[in-house]
């Protein structure tokens, strides 16, 4: 029995992915015999200009018993109630993907079906009037949900933080739980001749580090899963054609907004992530549509505040590894694949991968059924995220550049086409196995970009038009009143989790 134990586990690469993994494993794999080691090189930097997340990140902190206010304070974070999409449908148009429900379901029927009926009757123009996080976000207000009666149970939130500070925070957490950090750069991966399992990695210093299991958090280099184990990469750039990004921080010019902004540009899109001490900015673009120098110029001319430092460049290809777990190697983060940060899913995919790995934590001998199940579940998650991102590009009226013409007319995955067809008919959305995005998320983007379906589910006709108008009117009033009572995000942070002013930037 003891021979099948994982006695040594090595994580190659630090950063957000590596230290998230180390922190979680140090918390949950406390069996008295598994040693956890992180190999990290100070020579390899990170972009670190601001990172946005989605609500499940709060579950990660809770599982690690991390105090939220302490985390917010030490990572210069702000709160995030959703993502505003500007100019994606057409120039001049904007909509919000909120972290919370639209209205409240009535007798088990999704709220948006009742909204569709009211819209058909000419009684309601925008579903956003029934979204507490949307209204609060636009007012610059924030409060943690308290639960209870509608609408106090109708919203959630995430964080916008400095990814470099998050990595440092989680490193401190993990090291207190006996994770060992080794400074060094991996230059070689040594495979066993008889079965192809990883035996050890060699550092630039010449030191060899052996382990029973290895986790690849080496980023785009994918030193273990890609270079050594030669797991192929599935290219999804035919659906997500952006392949470059430039990023830069800028000074805050006003109180940070409690939401992320994504603005469509001719050759891609620009992000704006406001933190307590600065704003993260970036331009994700297609290199066939604009040059690198032009992209940097476009980003710099669209900053709200003075830039801090020089813009940093990043090249990537969207897609995923054919498998994420192979033999005694697991890939997490960028080494496992890349899906652009349009819906802030990068950290969540790491979090999901960690959770599934802990649930299937192996022995030294490995079990192929467990490996296959992990790969199936993570593959499904990545494909669902892919479809949601592709939806933003496909459902557009824009034809003002070659990129948008291509996206509007491109063929899409059959799994996404089914969802779009169902919604176009009568606004139907179904939540499938392990789907990260809720019905509300799909409704927000489909209504925001595809428009209002011509019909609705006729089961809502069990409620009279007059009664429905009265019920929705009360919902709308209560949502507005609740948002009005919230403190501003600035006041909430000042009272609960104000960060120490950083050194001069």
Protein backbone atom coordinates (compact mmCIF):
# COMPACT_ATOMS: atom_id res chain seq x y z
CA UNK A 1 0.00 0.00 0.00
CA UNK A 2 2.73 2.44 0.97
CA UNK A 3 4.55 1.81 -2.32
CA UNK A 4 1.69 3.43 -4.22
CA UNK A 5 1.95 6.74 -2.35
CA UNK A 6 2.92 10.04 -3.94
CA UNK A 7 5.80 10.97 -1.66
CA UNK A 8 7.19 13.84 -3.73
CA UNK A 9 5.25 16.24 -5.99
CA UNK A 10 7.04 18.94 -7.96
CA UNK A 11 5.42 22.01 -9.52
CA UNK A 12 7.51 23.46 -12.35
CA UNK A 13 6.82 27.19 -12.54
CA UNK A 14 5.45 29.70 -10.08
CA UNK A 15 3.31 32.68 -11.02
CA UNK A 16 -0.40 32.67 -10.34
CA UNK A 17 -0.99 29.12 -11.61
CA UNK A 18 1.96 27.57 -9.78
CA UNK A 19 1.28 29.18 -6.43
CA UNK A 20 -2.48 28.62 -6.64
CA UNK A 21 -1.68 24.95 -7.12
CA UNK A 22 0.87 24.87 -4.31
CA UNK A 23 -1.48 26.68 -1.92
CA UNK A 24 -4.40 24.34 -2.62
CA UNK A 25 -2.33 21.16 -2.41
CA UNK A 26 -0.65 22.31 0.79
CA UNK A 27 -4.09 22.83 2.30
CA UNK A 28 -5.75 19.60 1.18
CA UNK A 29 -2.94 17.07 0.71
CA UNK A 30 -1.82 17.08 4.33
CA UNK A 31 -1.29 13.35 4.65
CA UNK A 32 2.05 13.42 6.48
CA UNK A 33 4.12 11.96 3.65
CA UNK A 34 3.61 13.98 0.41
CA UNK A 35 6.30 16.64 0.01
CA UNK A 36 5.42 19.56 -2.30
CA UNK A 37 8.14 21.55 -4.05
CA UNK A 38 7.89 24.53 -6.42
CA UNK A 39 10.70 25.22 -8.87
CA UNK A 40 10.60 28.85 -9.91
CA UNK A 41 13.04 31.20 -11.62
CA UNK A 42 13.22 34.90 -10.85
CA UNK A 43 14.58 35.35 -14.38
CA UNK A 44 11.16 34.54 -15.83
CA UNK A 45 8.85 37.52 -15.31
CA UNK A 46 5.08 37.91 -15.49
CA UNK A 47 2.90 40.48 -17.23
CA UNK A 48 1.15 41.47 -13.99
CA UNK A 49 -0.79 44.55 -15.10
CA UNK A 50 -4.09 43.52 -13.56
CA UNK A 51 -6.19 40.40 -13.67
CA UNK A 52 -9.96 40.03 -13.62
CA UNK A 53 -11.76 36.97 -12.26
CA UNK A 54 -15.23 35.44 -12.05
CA UNK A 55 -17.26 34.61 -8.90
CA UNK A 56 -15.97 31.05 -8.26
CA UNK A 57 -12.64 32.59 -7.17
CA UNK A 58 -14.40 33.34 -3.88
CA UNK A 59 -14.89 29.60 -3.35
CA UNK A 60 -11.14 29.15 -3.72
CA UNK A 61 -10.42 31.63 -0.94
CA UNK A 62 -13.08 30.07 1.26
CA UNK A 63 -11.68 26.56 0.79
CA UNK A 64 -8.22 27.83 1.73
CA UNK A 65 -9.71 29.68 4.73
CA UNK A 66 -8.26 32.96 3.49
CA UNK A 67 -9.78 36.12 4.92
CA UNK A 68 -11.28 38.05 2.02
CA UNK A 69 -10.54 41.51 3.40
CA UNK A 70 -6.90 40.59 4.00
CA UNK A 71 -6.62 39.23 0.46
CA UNK A 72 -8.21 42.34 -1.05
CA UNK A 73 -5.96 44.62 0.95
CA UNK A 74 -2.71 42.87 0.10
CA UNK A 75 -3.42 42.38 -3.62
CA UNK A 76 -4.63 45.97 -4.24
CA UNK A 77 -7.89 44.44 -5.41
CA UNK A 78 -11.28 45.89 -6.22
CA UNK A 79 -14.63 44.16 -6.55
CA UNK A 80 -16.19 43.10 -9.82
CA UNK A 81 -19.94 42.93 -10.45
CA UNK A 82 -19.69 42.03 -14.12
CA UNK A 83 -18.17 42.85 -17.50
CA UNK A 84 -19.36 45.68 -19.70
CA UNK A 85 -19.04 45.03 -23.45
CA UNK A 86 -18.68 48.20 -25.49
CA UNK A 87 -19.03 48.32 -29.31
CA UNK A 88 -19.20 44.53 -29.68
CA UNK A 89 -22.65 44.44 -31.25
CA UNK A 90 -22.04 47.63 -33.21
CA UNK A 91 -20.20 50.92 -32.56
CA UNK A 92 -22.00 52.96 -29.92
CA UNK A 93 -23.73 49.95 -28.34
CA UNK A 94 -22.98 48.54 -24.89
CA UNK A 95 -24.35 45.91 -22.56
CA UNK A 96 -23.40 44.23 -19.28
CA UNK A 97 -22.73 40.59 -18.48
CA UNK A 98 -23.68 40.76 -14.77
CA UNK A 99 -22.70 38.42 -11.96
CA UNK A 100 -26.19 37.68 -10.76
CA UNK A 101 -29.67 36.82 -11.89
CA UNK A 102 -32.04 38.87 -13.99
CA UNK A 103 -35.14 39.37 -11.85
CA UNK A 104 -36.43 36.21 -10.21
CA UNK A 105 -37.82 33.06 -11.77
CA UNK A 106 -41.60 32.76 -11.47
CA UNK A 107 -43.15 29.36 -10.75
CA UNK A 108 -40.03 27.61 -12.04
CA UNK A 109 -40.00 29.46 -15.38
CA UNK A 110 -36.80 31.44 -16.14
CA UNK A 111 -37.32 35.17 -15.63
CA UNK A 112 -36.08 36.12 -19.07
CA UNK A 113 -39.08 34.38 -20.65
CA UNK A 114 -41.40 36.78 -18.80
CA UNK A 115 -39.20 39.67 -19.88
CA UNK A 116 -39.51 38.55 -23.52
CA UNK A 117 -43.29 38.65 -23.21
CA UNK A 118 -43.24 42.13 -21.65
CA UNK A 119 -40.90 43.31 -24.41
CA UNK A 120 -43.28 41.93 -27.03
CA UNK A 121 -46.06 43.92 -25.37
CA UNK A 122 -43.92 47.07 -25.53
CA UNK A 123 -43.77 47.28 -21.72
CA UNK A 124 -40.02 46.77 -21.13
CA UNK A 125 -37.03 47.84 -23.22
CA UNK A 126 -34.00 46.41 -21.42
CA UNK A 127 -33.51 43.37 -19.25
CA UNK A 128 -30.68 45.23 -17.48
CA UNK A 129 -33.31 47.16 -15.50
CA UNK A 130 -33.90 43.85 -13.68
CA UNK A 131 -30.24 43.24 -12.84
CA UNK A 132 -29.07 44.43 -9.43
CA UNK A 133 -25.32 44.02 -10.19
CA UNK A 134 -25.71 45.96 -13.44
CA UNK A 135 -27.46 48.89 -11.81
CA UNK A 136 -25.08 48.91 -8.84
CA UNK A 137 -22.05 48.72 -11.15
CA UNK A 138 -23.15 51.71 -13.20
CA UNK A 139 -23.73 53.67 -9.98
CA UNK A 140 -20.26 52.74 -8.74
CA UNK A 141 -21.77 50.94 -5.74
CA UNK A 142 -20.91 47.68 -4.05
CA UNK A 143 -21.93 45.57 -1.09
CA UNK A 144 -21.52 41.87 -0.38
CA UNK A 145 -24.74 39.87 -0.82
CA UNK A 146 -26.49 39.20 2.49
CA UNK A 147 -28.93 36.51 1.34
CA UNK A 148 -32.55 36.46 2.35
CA UNK A 149 -35.50 37.74 0.35
CA UNK A 150 -35.38 39.10 -3.20
CA UNK A 151 -33.27 40.89 -4.32
CA UNK A 152 -30.70 40.40 -1.54
CA UNK A 153 -29.92 36.92 -2.88
CA UNK A 154 -29.72 37.87 -6.54
CA UNK A 155 -26.09 38.80 -7.13
CA UNK A 156 -22.52 37.66 -6.75
CA UNK A 157 -19.12 39.22 -7.35
CA UNK A 158 -15.50 38.53 -8.20
CA UNK A 159 -12.21 40.40 -7.86
CA UNK A 160 -9.94 42.57 -9.97
CA UNK A 161 -6.40 42.30 -8.62
CA UNK A 162 -2.67 42.54 -9.26
CA UNK A 163 -1.72 39.03 -10.40
CA UNK A 164 1.90 39.47 -9.28
CA UNK A 165 0.76 40.33 -5.76
CA UNK A 166 -1.63 37.35 -5.77
CA UNK A 167 1.24 34.99 -6.62
CA UNK A 168 3.30 36.46 -3.76
CA UNK A 169 0.34 36.18 -1.36
CA UNK A 170 -0.27 32.52 -2.21
CA UNK A 171 3.44 31.76 -2.06
CA UNK A 172 3.53 33.04 1.52
CA UNK A 173 0.46 30.96 2.32
CA UNK A 174 1.94 27.79 0.82
CA UNK A 175 5.36 28.19 2.41
CA UNK A 176 3.75 28.47 5.84
CA UNK A 177 2.28 25.02 5.14
CA UNK A 178 5.73 23.59 4.38
CA UNK A 179 5.84 23.93 0.59
CA UNK A 180 9.49 24.17 -0.44
CA UNK A 181 10.53 26.69 -3.09
CA UNK A 182 13.64 26.11 -5.19
CA UNK A 183 15.09 28.95 -7.23
CA UNK A 184 16.16 27.70 -10.62
CA UNK A 185 15.45 27.36 -14.30
CA UNK A 186 14.51 23.94 -15.69
CA UNK A 187 16.64 23.14 -18.73
CA UNK A 188 15.89 19.45 -19.19
CA UNK A 189 13.18 16.90 -18.43
CA UNK A 190 14.33 13.32 -17.93
CA UNK A 191 11.97 10.52 -18.97
CA UNK A 192 12.19 6.86 -17.99
CA UNK A 193 13.17 4.71 -20.95
CA UNK A 194 10.79 1.87 -20.10
CA UNK A 195 7.50 3.75 -19.70
CA UNK A 196 8.02 7.44 -20.58
CA UNK A 197 7.18 8.69 -17.08
CA UNK A 198 9.05 11.78 -15.87
CA UNK A 199 11.83 10.75 -13.47
CA UNK A 200 13.38 14.14 -12.80
CA UNK A 201 14.05 17.64 -14.08
CA UNK A 202 17.47 19.23 -14.45
CA UNK A 203 18.13 22.83 -13.45
CA UNK A 204 20.56 25.23 -15.10
CA UNK A 205 22.81 24.73 -12.07
CA UNK A 206 23.07 21.04 -12.91
CA UNK A 207 20.95 19.91 -9.97
CA UNK A 208 18.52 17.09 -10.68
CA UNK A 209 15.21 17.02 -8.83
CA UNK A 210 13.30 13.75 -8.72
CA UNK A 211 9.61 13.27 -7.88
CA UNK A 212 6.74 10.83 -8.19
CA UNK A 213 4.47 13.38 -9.87
CA UNK A 214 5.04 16.63 -11.78
CA UNK A 215 2.73 19.56 -12.43
CA UNK A 216 3.57 21.75 -15.43
CA UNK A 217 2.95 25.43 -14.68
CA UNK A 218 5.73 26.61 -17.00
CA UNK A 219 3.42 28.80 -19.07
CA UNK A 220 3.49 28.93 -22.86
CA UNK A 221 6.81 27.06 -22.84
CA UNK A 222 4.99 23.90 -21.67
CA UNK A 223 8.33 22.35 -20.79
CA UNK A 224 6.90 19.09 -19.49
CA UNK A 225 3.56 18.42 -21.20
CA UNK A 226 4.57 19.85 -24.57
CA UNK A 227 8.33 19.81 -25.07
CA UNK A 228 9.14 16.61 -23.14
CA UNK A 229 5.96 14.53 -23.40
CA UNK A 230 4.99 15.84 -26.85
CA UNK A 231 1.27 16.17 -26.17
CA UNK A 232 -0.22 17.83 -29.24
CA UNK A 233 -1.98 21.17 -29.22
CA UNK A 234 -5.51 21.56 -30.60
CA UNK A 235 -5.62 24.85 -32.50
CA UNK A 236 -8.86 26.85 -32.14
CA UNK A 237 -7.70 29.98 -33.93
CA UNK A 238 -10.21 29.42 -36.75
CA UNK A 239 -12.87 30.52 -34.22
CA UNK A 240 -10.77 32.83 -32.05
CA UNK A 241 -8.38 34.52 -34.50
CA UNK A 242 -6.68 36.98 -32.13
CA UNK A 243 -3.07 35.89 -31.51
CA UNK A 244 -1.28 38.84 -29.91
CA UNK A 245 -1.69 41.18 -26.97
CA UNK A 246 0.01 44.28 -25.60
CA UNK A 247 -0.49 45.30 -21.98
CA UNK A 248 0.35 48.32 -19.85
CA UNK A 249 -0.66 49.75 -16.49
CA UNK A 250 -1.92 53.31 -16.11
CA UNK A 251 -2.63 55.72 -13.29
CA UNK A 252 -6.16 55.92 -11.95
CA UNK A 253 -7.98 59.09 -12.91
CA UNK A 254 -11.11 58.46 -10.83
CA UNK A 255 -12.50 56.08 -8.24
CA UNK A 256 -12.14 52.51 -9.61
CA UNK A 257 -15.25 51.05 -11.21
CA UNK A 258 -16.67 47.81 -9.72
CA UNK A 259 -16.58 46.11 -13.12
CA UNK A 260 -14.31 45.27 -16.03
CA UNK A 261 -14.72 46.92 -19.44
CA UNK A 262 -14.09 45.20 -22.77
CA UNK A 263 -14.16 47.51 -25.79
CA UNK A 264 -14.17 46.07 -29.30
CA UNK A 265 -11.64 47.60 -31.71
CA UNK A 266 -11.19 47.14 -35.44
CA UNK A 267 -8.58 44.41 -34.97
CA UNK A 268 -9.63 42.93 -31.61
CA UNK A 269 -10.59 44.31 -28.22
CA UNK A 270 -9.22 46.33 -25.33
CA UNK A 271 -9.54 45.55 -21.62
CA UNK A 272 -9.75 47.98 -18.70
CA UNK A 273 -9.33 46.50 -15.21
CA UNK A 274 -9.38 49.09 -12.38
CA UNK A 275 -7.44 48.22 -9.21
CA UNK A 276 -7.02 50.26 -6.04
CA UNK A 277 -3.59 51.60 -7.02
CA UNK A 278 -3.67 51.55 -10.81
CA UNK A 279 -5.57 50.34 -13.87
CA UNK A 280 -4.64 47.35 -15.99
CA UNK A 281 -5.02 47.81 -19.75
CA UNK A 282 -4.43 45.60 -22.73
CA UNK A 283 -5.23 45.19 -26.40
CA UNK A 284 -5.90 41.65 -27.67
CA UNK A 285 -5.63 41.65 -31.47
CA UNK A 286 -5.19 39.68 -34.66
CA UNK A 287 -1.69 40.13 -36.11
CA UNK A 288 -3.07 39.75 -39.63
CA UNK A 289 -5.29 42.78 -39.10
CA UNK A 290 -2.87 45.22 -37.46
CA UNK A 291 0.87 45.51 -36.87
CA UNK A 292 2.40 45.29 -33.41
CA UNK A 293 3.45 48.94 -33.47
CA UNK A 294 -0.02 50.05 -34.54
CA UNK A 295 -1.57 47.96 -31.77
CA UNK A 296 0.64 49.61 -29.15
CA UNK A 297 -0.26 53.03 -30.51
CA UNK A 298 -3.97 52.16 -30.45
CA UNK A 299 -3.71 51.01 -26.83
CA UNK A 300 -1.73 54.04 -25.68
CA UNK A 301 -4.09 56.53 -27.31
CA UNK A 302 -7.09 54.93 -25.61
CA UNK A 303 -5.81 54.95 -22.02
CA UNK A 304 -7.80 56.90 -19.44
CA UNK A 305 -4.71 57.81 -17.40
CA UNK A 306 -0.98 58.29 -17.79
CA UNK A 307 0.83 55.01 -18.63
CA UNK A 308 3.11 53.41 -16.06
CA UNK A 309 6.13 51.88 -17.78
CA UNK A 310 6.32 50.47 -21.28
CA UNK A 311 3.79 48.25 -23.00
CA UNK A 312 4.64 44.55 -22.88
CA UNK A 313 3.97 42.18 -25.77
CA UNK A 314 2.55 38.68 -25.75
CA UNK A 315 2.10 36.17 -28.58
CA UNK A 316 -0.23 33.19 -28.25
CA UNK A 317 -2.35 30.65 -30.06
CA UNK A 318 -5.84 29.83 -28.81
CA UNK A 319 -6.55 26.20 -28.12
CA UNK A 320 -5.78 23.40 -25.67
CA UNK A 321 -3.62 20.34 -25.22
CA UNK A 322 -5.13 17.12 -26.53
CA UNK A 323 -4.92 15.87 -22.93
CA UNK A 324 -4.06 17.73 -19.75
CA UNK A 325 -2.92 14.78 -17.65
CA UNK A 326 -0.51 12.28 -19.18
CA UNK A 327 1.25 9.56 -17.19
CA UNK A 328 2.68 11.35 -14.11
CA UNK A 329 2.39 14.86 -15.50
CA UNK A 330 -0.48 17.35 -15.17
CA UNK A 331 -0.59 20.68 -17.03
CA UNK A 332 -2.25 23.72 -15.47
CA UNK A 333 -2.47 27.31 -16.66
CA UNK A 334 -0.93 28.38 -19.95
CA UNK A 335 0.94 25.11 -20.42
CA UNK A 336 -2.45 23.36 -20.77
CA UNK A 337 -3.79 25.79 -23.37
CA UNK A 338 -4.89 29.36 -23.86
CA UNK A 339 -8.30 31.00 -24.16
CA UNK A 340 -8.20 34.76 -24.41
CA UNK A 341 -9.28 36.67 -21.26
CA UNK A 342 -12.48 38.03 -22.78
CA UNK A 343 -14.60 36.52 -20.00
CA UNK A 344 -11.86 36.42 -17.33
CA UNK A 345 -11.69 32.63 -17.27
CA UNK A 346 -7.92 32.00 -17.12
CA UNK A 347 -7.62 31.78 -13.35
CA UNK A 348 -10.88 29.86 -13.09
CA UNK A 349 -9.57 27.17 -15.44
CA UNK A 350 -6.58 26.76 -13.13
CA UNK A 351 -8.91 26.61 -10.13
CA UNK A 352 -11.10 24.02 -11.83
CA UNK A 353 -8.11 21.92 -12.81
CA UNK A 354 -6.80 21.97 -9.25
CA UNK A 355 -10.17 20.98 -7.79
CA UNK A 356 -10.59 18.06 -10.17
CA UNK A 357 -7.02 16.91 -9.53
CA UNK A 358 -7.58 16.91 -5.77
CA UNK A 359 -10.81 14.95 -6.26
CA UNK A 360 -8.86 12.39 -8.34
CA UNK A 361 -5.57 12.64 -6.44
CA UNK A 362 -3.52 9.69 -7.69
CA UNK A 363 -1.23 7.09 -6.28
CA UNK A 364 2.27 6.59 -7.60
CA UNK A 365 1.09 3.77 -9.89
CA UNK A 366 -1.57 5.94 -11.59
CA UNK A 367 -5.02 4.81 -12.68
CA UNK A 368 -5.94 5.34 -16.31
CA UNK A 369 -9.67 5.56 -15.58
CA UNK A 370 -9.01 8.53 -13.26
CA UNK A 371 -6.75 10.17 -15.82
CA UNK A 372 -9.33 9.70 -18.58
CA UNK A 373 -12.09 11.19 -16.42
CA UNK A 374 -9.99 14.23 -15.58
CA UNK A 375 -9.18 14.79 -19.25
CA UNK A 376 -12.84 14.34 -20.24
CA UNK A 377 -14.10 16.84 -17.67
CA UNK A 378 -11.42 19.45 -18.35
CA UNK A 379 -11.87 19.07 -22.09
CA UNK A 380 -15.59 19.65 -21.72
CA UNK A 381 -14.99 22.74 -19.57
CA UNK A 382 -12.56 24.22 -22.09
CA UNK A 383 -14.96 23.59 -24.98
CA UNK A 384 -17.81 25.27 -23.11
CA UNK A 385 -15.65 28.32 -22.40
CA UNK A 386 -14.51 28.33 -26.04
CA UNK A 387 -18.12 28.36 -27.26
CA UNK A 388 -19.03 31.22 -24.96
CA UNK A 389 -16.09 33.29 -26.22
CA UNK A 390 -16.81 32.50 -29.87
CA UNK A 391 -20.39 33.70 -29.35
CA UNK A 392 -19.10 37.24 -28.73
CA UNK A 393 -17.29 37.29 -32.06
CA UNK A 394 -19.96 35.55 -34.09
CA UNK A 395 -23.06 37.47 -32.98
CA UNK A 396 -22.09 40.90 -34.25
CA UNK A 397 -23.47 43.43 -36.68
CA UNK A 398 -20.00 44.88 -37.28
CA UNK A 399 -18.55 44.74 -40.77
CA UNK A 400 -16.16 47.68 -40.48
CA UNK A 401 -12.96 45.60 -40.78
CA UNK A 402 -11.76 42.34 -42.27
CA UNK A 403 -11.61 40.77 -38.81
CA UNK A 404 -15.27 41.46 -38.00
CA UNK A 405 -16.41 40.41 -41.49
CA UNK A 406 -14.60 37.12 -41.00
CA UNK A 407 -16.03 36.55 -37.53
CA UNK A 408 -19.58 37.37 -38.54
CA UNK A 409 -19.50 34.86 -41.38
CA UNK A 410 -17.27 32.12 -39.96
CA UNK A 411 -18.45 28.56 -39.32
CA UNK A 412 -18.74 27.79 -35.61
CA UNK A 413 -18.71 24.65 -33.43
CA UNK A 414 -21.93 22.63 -33.69
CA UNK A 415 -22.33 22.79 -29.90
CA UNK A 416 -22.55 26.59 -30.05
CA UNK A 417 -24.82 26.58 -33.10
CA UNK A 418 -27.35 24.44 -31.21
CA UNK A 419 -27.47 26.96 -28.36
CA UNK A 420 -27.89 29.88 -30.74
CA UNK A 421 -30.65 28.15 -32.69
CA UNK A 422 -32.57 27.27 -29.53
CA UNK A 423 -32.37 30.83 -28.27
CA UNK A 424 -33.32 32.37 -31.60
CA UNK A 425 -36.51 30.32 -31.66
CA UNK A 426 -38.09 31.09 -28.28
CA UNK A 427 -35.26 32.26 -26.05
CA UNK A 428 -34.53 28.79 -24.71
CA UNK A 429 -31.29 28.14 -22.83
CA UNK A 430 -30.36 24.90 -21.08
CA UNK A 431 -27.58 24.40 -18.54
CA UNK A 432 -25.47 21.37 -19.44
CA UNK A 433 -23.06 19.15 -17.52
CA UNK A 434 -20.38 21.09 -15.64
CA UNK A 435 -21.20 24.26 -17.63
CA UNK A 436 -19.28 27.17 -16.11
CA UNK A 437 -21.61 29.82 -17.48
CA UNK A 438 -25.12 30.08 -16.07
CA UNK A 439 -28.34 30.63 -17.97
CA UNK A 440 -28.08 34.30 -16.97
CA UNK A 441 -24.63 34.58 -18.58
CA UNK A 442 -25.83 33.14 -21.88
CA UNK A 443 -28.96 35.29 -21.81
CA UNK A 444 -26.90 38.43 -21.16
CA UNK A 445 -24.64 37.92 -24.18
CA UNK A 446 -27.32 36.58 -26.50
CA UNK A 447 -29.70 39.46 -25.75
CA UNK A 448 -26.80 41.91 -25.82
CA UNK A 449 -25.51 40.82 -29.22
CA UNK A 450 -28.00 38.54 -30.97
CA UNK A 451 -31.01 40.65 -30.07
CA UNK A 452 -34.51 39.79 -28.85
CA UNK A 453 -36.00 36.48 -30.10
CA UNK A 454 -39.20 36.89 -32.06
CA UNK A 455 -41.17 34.60 -29.75
CA UNK A 456 -41.18 33.37 -26.16
CA UNK A 457 -42.17 30.25 -24.24
CA UNK A 458 -45.95 30.39 -24.15
CA UNK A 459 -46.17 28.81 -20.70
CA UNK A 460 -45.71 32.35 -19.36
CA UNK A 461 -49.23 33.11 -20.63
CA UNK A 462 -50.55 31.41 -17.49
CA UNK A 463 -50.08 34.83 -15.92
CA UNK A 464 -52.23 37.65 -17.25
CA UNK A 465 -50.60 40.64 -18.92
CA UNK A 466 -51.80 42.96 -16.16
CA UNK A 467 -50.58 40.73 -13.35
CA UNK A 468 -47.21 40.20 -15.05
CA UNK A 469 -46.71 43.94 -15.54
CA UNK A 470 -47.45 44.51 -11.86
CA UNK A 471 -45.08 41.75 -10.68
CA UNK A 472 -42.22 42.93 -12.88
CA UNK A 473 -42.81 46.54 -11.90
CA UNK A 474 -42.40 45.63 -8.23
CA UNK A 475 -39.24 43.65 -9.00
CA UNK A 476 -37.74 46.58 -10.84
CA UNK A 477 -38.54 49.04 -8.03
CA UNK A 478 -37.04 46.79 -5.35
CA UNK A 479 -33.86 46.27 -7.36
CA UNK A 480 -33.45 50.01 -7.91
CA UNK A 481 -34.06 50.76 -4.24
CA UNK A 482 -31.57 48.12 -3.10
CA UNK A 483 -28.85 49.42 -5.41
CA UNK A 484 -29.47 52.95 -4.16
CA UNK A 485 -28.89 51.86 -0.56
CA UNK A 486 -25.51 50.28 -1.29
CA UNK A 487 -22.38 52.23 -0.36
CA UNK A 488 -20.04 53.30 -3.11
CA UNK A 489 -17.29 50.78 -3.78
CA UNK A 490 -14.77 53.40 -2.65
CA UNK A 491 -16.49 53.75 0.74
CA UNK A 492 -16.88 50.00 1.11
CA UNK A 493 -13.18 49.42 0.45
CA UNK A 494 -12.10 52.31 2.69
CA UNK A 495 -14.08 50.82 5.58
CA UNK A 496 -13.25 47.14 5.05
CA UNK A 497 -10.13 46.48 3.01
CA UNK A 498 -8.21 49.59 2.01
CA UNK A 499 -4.76 48.71 0.67
CA UNK A 500 -1.64 50.40 1.92
CA UNK A 501 -0.54 53.03 -0.58
CA UNK A 502 2.16 51.48 -2.80
CA UNK A 503 5.55 53.00 -3.34
CA UNK A 504 5.76 55.63 -6.05
CA UNK A 505 5.05 53.97 -9.39
